[in-house]
N, C-alpha and C. Protein backbone atom coordinates (compact mmCIF):
# COMPACT_ATOMS: atom_id res chain seq x y z
N LEU A 1 -4.92 -51.92 -65.54
CA LEU A 1 -4.61 -53.34 -65.34
C LEU A 1 -4.94 -54.11 -66.62
N ILE A 2 -4.02 -54.96 -67.01
CA ILE A 2 -4.21 -55.75 -68.23
C ILE A 2 -4.90 -57.06 -67.87
N ASP A 3 -5.97 -57.35 -68.59
CA ASP A 3 -6.68 -58.60 -68.40
C ASP A 3 -5.90 -59.72 -69.10
N GLU A 4 -5.31 -60.60 -68.33
CA GLU A 4 -4.46 -61.65 -68.89
C GLU A 4 -5.21 -62.55 -69.88
N GLU A 5 -6.49 -62.77 -69.63
CA GLU A 5 -7.25 -63.67 -70.50
C GLU A 5 -7.44 -63.09 -71.90
N SER A 6 -7.65 -61.78 -71.98
CA SER A 6 -7.90 -61.17 -73.29
C SER A 6 -6.62 -60.61 -73.91
N LEU A 7 -5.51 -60.79 -73.23
CA LEU A 7 -4.23 -60.29 -73.72
C LEU A 7 -3.85 -61.03 -75.01
N ILE A 8 -3.47 -60.27 -76.02
CA ILE A 8 -3.03 -60.88 -77.27
C ILE A 8 -1.52 -61.07 -77.17
N VAL A 9 -1.10 -62.31 -77.37
CA VAL A 9 0.32 -62.63 -77.24
C VAL A 9 0.91 -63.01 -78.60
N PRO A 10 2.22 -62.87 -78.71
CA PRO A 10 2.87 -63.23 -79.98
C PRO A 10 2.71 -64.72 -80.30
N SER A 11 3.11 -65.07 -81.49
CA SER A 11 3.03 -66.47 -81.92
C SER A 11 3.89 -67.35 -81.01
N GLU A 12 3.63 -68.63 -81.06
CA GLU A 12 4.39 -69.58 -80.25
C GLU A 12 5.88 -69.47 -80.55
N THR A 13 6.22 -69.30 -81.82
CA THR A 13 7.62 -69.17 -82.23
C THR A 13 8.24 -67.94 -81.59
N ASP A 14 7.52 -66.81 -81.63
CA ASP A 14 8.04 -65.57 -81.04
C ASP A 14 8.17 -65.69 -79.52
N ILE A 15 7.20 -66.33 -78.89
CA ILE A 15 7.26 -66.55 -77.43
C ILE A 15 8.50 -67.39 -77.10
N ASP A 16 8.72 -68.45 -77.88
CA ASP A 16 9.89 -69.31 -77.65
C ASP A 16 11.19 -68.54 -77.84
N THR A 17 11.24 -67.67 -78.85
CA THR A 17 12.43 -66.86 -79.10
C THR A 17 12.67 -65.90 -77.94
N LEU A 18 11.61 -65.25 -77.48
CA LEU A 18 11.74 -64.35 -76.33
C LEU A 18 12.24 -65.11 -75.11
N PHE A 19 11.72 -66.31 -74.92
CA PHE A 19 12.13 -67.12 -73.78
C PHE A 19 13.62 -67.46 -73.88
N GLU A 20 14.06 -67.83 -75.10
CA GLU A 20 15.48 -68.13 -75.31
C GLU A 20 16.35 -66.92 -74.99
N LEU A 21 15.94 -65.75 -75.46
CA LEU A 21 16.68 -64.52 -75.17
C LEU A 21 16.74 -64.27 -73.67
N ALA A 22 15.64 -64.51 -72.99
CA ALA A 22 15.59 -64.32 -71.54
C ALA A 22 16.48 -65.33 -70.83
N MET A 23 16.51 -66.56 -71.34
CA MET A 23 17.37 -67.59 -70.74
C MET A 23 18.84 -67.17 -70.83
N ARG A 24 19.20 -66.49 -71.92
CA ARG A 24 20.58 -66.04 -72.11
C ARG A 24 20.84 -64.70 -71.43
N GLY A 25 19.76 -64.08 -70.90
CA GLY A 25 19.94 -62.78 -70.25
C GLY A 25 20.19 -61.67 -71.26
N ASN A 26 19.73 -61.86 -72.48
CA ASN A 26 19.97 -60.91 -73.56
C ASN A 26 18.88 -59.82 -73.57
N VAL A 27 19.03 -58.85 -72.67
CA VAL A 27 18.02 -57.80 -72.52
C VAL A 27 17.90 -56.96 -73.79
N ASN A 28 19.03 -56.64 -74.42
CA ASN A 28 18.98 -55.85 -75.66
C ASN A 28 18.26 -56.61 -76.76
N GLY A 29 18.49 -57.91 -76.84
CA GLY A 29 17.80 -58.74 -77.82
C GLY A 29 16.30 -58.76 -77.58
N ILE A 30 15.93 -58.84 -76.31
CA ILE A 30 14.51 -58.83 -75.93
C ILE A 30 13.87 -57.51 -76.36
N LYS A 31 14.54 -56.39 -76.04
CA LYS A 31 13.99 -55.07 -76.39
C LYS A 31 13.85 -54.91 -77.89
N LYS A 32 14.85 -55.39 -78.64
CA LYS A 32 14.80 -55.30 -80.11
C LYS A 32 13.62 -56.11 -80.63
N MET A 33 13.44 -57.30 -80.08
CA MET A 33 12.33 -58.14 -80.53
C MET A 33 10.98 -57.51 -80.19
N LEU A 34 10.89 -56.89 -79.01
CA LEU A 34 9.64 -56.21 -78.63
C LEU A 34 9.34 -55.08 -79.61
N ASP A 35 10.37 -54.34 -80.02
CA ASP A 35 10.19 -53.28 -81.02
C ASP A 35 9.62 -53.87 -82.31
N ASP A 36 10.22 -54.97 -82.75
CA ASP A 36 9.77 -55.62 -84.00
C ASP A 36 8.33 -56.11 -83.88
N LEU A 37 8.00 -56.70 -82.74
CA LEU A 37 6.64 -57.21 -82.53
C LEU A 37 5.62 -56.08 -82.55
N GLU A 38 5.94 -54.98 -81.85
CA GLU A 38 5.03 -53.82 -81.82
C GLU A 38 4.81 -53.27 -83.21
N GLU A 39 5.89 -53.21 -83.99
CA GLU A 39 5.81 -52.67 -85.34
C GLU A 39 4.95 -53.55 -86.25
N SER A 40 5.08 -54.86 -86.09
CA SER A 40 4.37 -55.79 -86.98
C SER A 40 2.90 -55.97 -86.59
N ASP A 41 2.59 -55.78 -85.29
CA ASP A 41 1.22 -56.01 -84.84
C ASP A 41 0.91 -55.15 -83.62
N HIS A 42 0.14 -54.10 -83.83
CA HIS A 42 -0.15 -53.16 -82.74
C HIS A 42 -0.98 -53.78 -81.62
N SER A 43 -1.69 -54.86 -81.91
CA SER A 43 -2.50 -55.50 -80.86
C SER A 43 -1.62 -56.17 -79.80
N LEU A 44 -0.33 -56.31 -80.09
CA LEU A 44 0.60 -56.91 -79.12
C LEU A 44 1.12 -55.90 -78.10
N LYS A 45 0.75 -54.63 -78.29
CA LYS A 45 1.29 -53.56 -77.45
C LYS A 45 1.14 -53.80 -75.94
N PRO A 46 -0.03 -54.20 -75.44
CA PRO A 46 -0.12 -54.45 -73.99
C PRO A 46 0.88 -55.51 -73.51
N PHE A 47 1.08 -56.55 -74.32
CA PHE A 47 2.06 -57.59 -73.97
C PHE A 47 3.47 -57.00 -73.97
N THR A 48 3.81 -56.27 -75.03
CA THR A 48 5.19 -55.75 -75.14
C THR A 48 5.48 -54.71 -74.06
N ILE A 49 4.48 -53.92 -73.69
CA ILE A 49 4.67 -52.92 -72.62
C ILE A 49 5.03 -53.63 -71.32
N LYS A 50 4.33 -54.69 -71.00
CA LYS A 50 4.57 -55.45 -69.76
C LYS A 50 5.99 -56.04 -69.76
N VAL A 51 6.36 -56.69 -70.86
CA VAL A 51 7.68 -57.32 -70.93
C VAL A 51 8.78 -56.26 -70.95
N ARG A 52 8.52 -55.15 -71.67
CA ARG A 52 9.53 -54.08 -71.74
C ARG A 52 9.80 -53.48 -70.36
N LYS A 53 8.74 -53.33 -69.56
CA LYS A 53 8.92 -52.79 -68.21
C LYS A 53 9.87 -53.68 -67.41
N LEU A 54 9.71 -54.99 -67.55
CA LEU A 54 10.60 -55.93 -66.87
C LEU A 54 12.02 -55.84 -67.45
N ALA A 55 12.11 -55.75 -68.77
CA ALA A 55 13.42 -55.68 -69.43
C ALA A 55 14.16 -54.40 -69.03
N ASP A 56 13.44 -53.30 -68.94
CA ASP A 56 14.07 -52.02 -68.55
C ASP A 56 14.70 -52.11 -67.17
N ASN A 57 14.13 -52.96 -66.32
CA ASN A 57 14.66 -53.14 -64.96
C ASN A 57 15.54 -54.38 -64.84
N PHE A 58 15.90 -54.95 -66.00
CA PHE A 58 16.76 -56.14 -66.06
C PHE A 58 16.22 -57.30 -65.21
N GLN A 59 14.90 -57.43 -65.19
CA GLN A 59 14.26 -58.50 -64.43
C GLN A 59 14.04 -59.71 -65.34
N VAL A 60 15.16 -60.30 -65.74
CA VAL A 60 15.13 -61.39 -66.72
C VAL A 60 14.40 -62.62 -66.18
N LYS A 61 14.59 -62.91 -64.91
CA LYS A 61 13.92 -64.07 -64.31
C LYS A 61 12.40 -63.88 -64.39
N GLN A 62 11.92 -62.68 -64.09
CA GLN A 62 10.48 -62.41 -64.16
C GLN A 62 9.97 -62.52 -65.59
N ILE A 63 10.79 -62.10 -66.55
CA ILE A 63 10.40 -62.22 -67.96
C ILE A 63 10.22 -63.71 -68.30
N ARG A 64 11.18 -64.51 -67.88
CA ARG A 64 11.09 -65.96 -68.15
C ARG A 64 9.83 -66.54 -67.54
N GLU A 65 9.54 -66.19 -66.30
CA GLU A 65 8.35 -66.73 -65.64
C GLU A 65 7.07 -66.25 -66.30
N TYR A 66 7.05 -64.98 -66.69
CA TYR A 66 5.87 -64.42 -67.36
C TYR A 66 5.63 -65.13 -68.70
N ILE A 67 6.69 -65.28 -69.48
CA ILE A 67 6.56 -65.91 -70.79
C ILE A 67 6.23 -67.39 -70.66
N LYS A 68 6.81 -68.04 -69.65
CA LYS A 68 6.56 -69.47 -69.45
C LYS A 68 5.06 -69.74 -69.28
N ASP A 69 4.34 -68.81 -68.64
CA ASP A 69 2.89 -68.94 -68.48
C ASP A 69 2.20 -69.08 -69.83
N PHE A 70 2.67 -68.29 -70.81
CA PHE A 70 2.05 -68.34 -72.14
C PHE A 70 2.45 -69.60 -72.88
N GLN A 71 3.66 -70.07 -72.65
CA GLN A 71 4.08 -71.32 -73.27
C GLN A 71 3.21 -72.47 -72.75
N ALA A 72 2.95 -72.46 -71.46
CA ALA A 72 2.15 -73.52 -70.84
C ALA A 72 0.71 -73.52 -71.36
N LYS A 73 0.14 -72.33 -71.58
CA LYS A 73 -1.25 -72.22 -72.03
C LYS A 73 -1.44 -72.75 -73.45
N LYS A 74 -0.39 -72.74 -74.25
CA LYS A 74 -0.53 -73.13 -75.66
C LYS A 74 -0.46 -74.63 -75.85
N ILE A 75 -0.03 -75.35 -74.82
CA ILE A 75 0.14 -76.80 -74.96
C ILE A 75 -1.22 -77.49 -74.83
């Protein structure tokens, strides 16, 4: 189980980009971005694994809701 409080999330810009991709239903774009995020920062792996699991099942609405939580926390 991933502890949401200690979870390291991408930058606000990356979160917004992921949200935009999810709004458009662009699952391939989301997966590509997750690959890039994992490559650039290994500490993001728990976050990317969670989002990738949703993307693999085409659960775009759940991705949006999950990411929206992180957008709300940064305000």
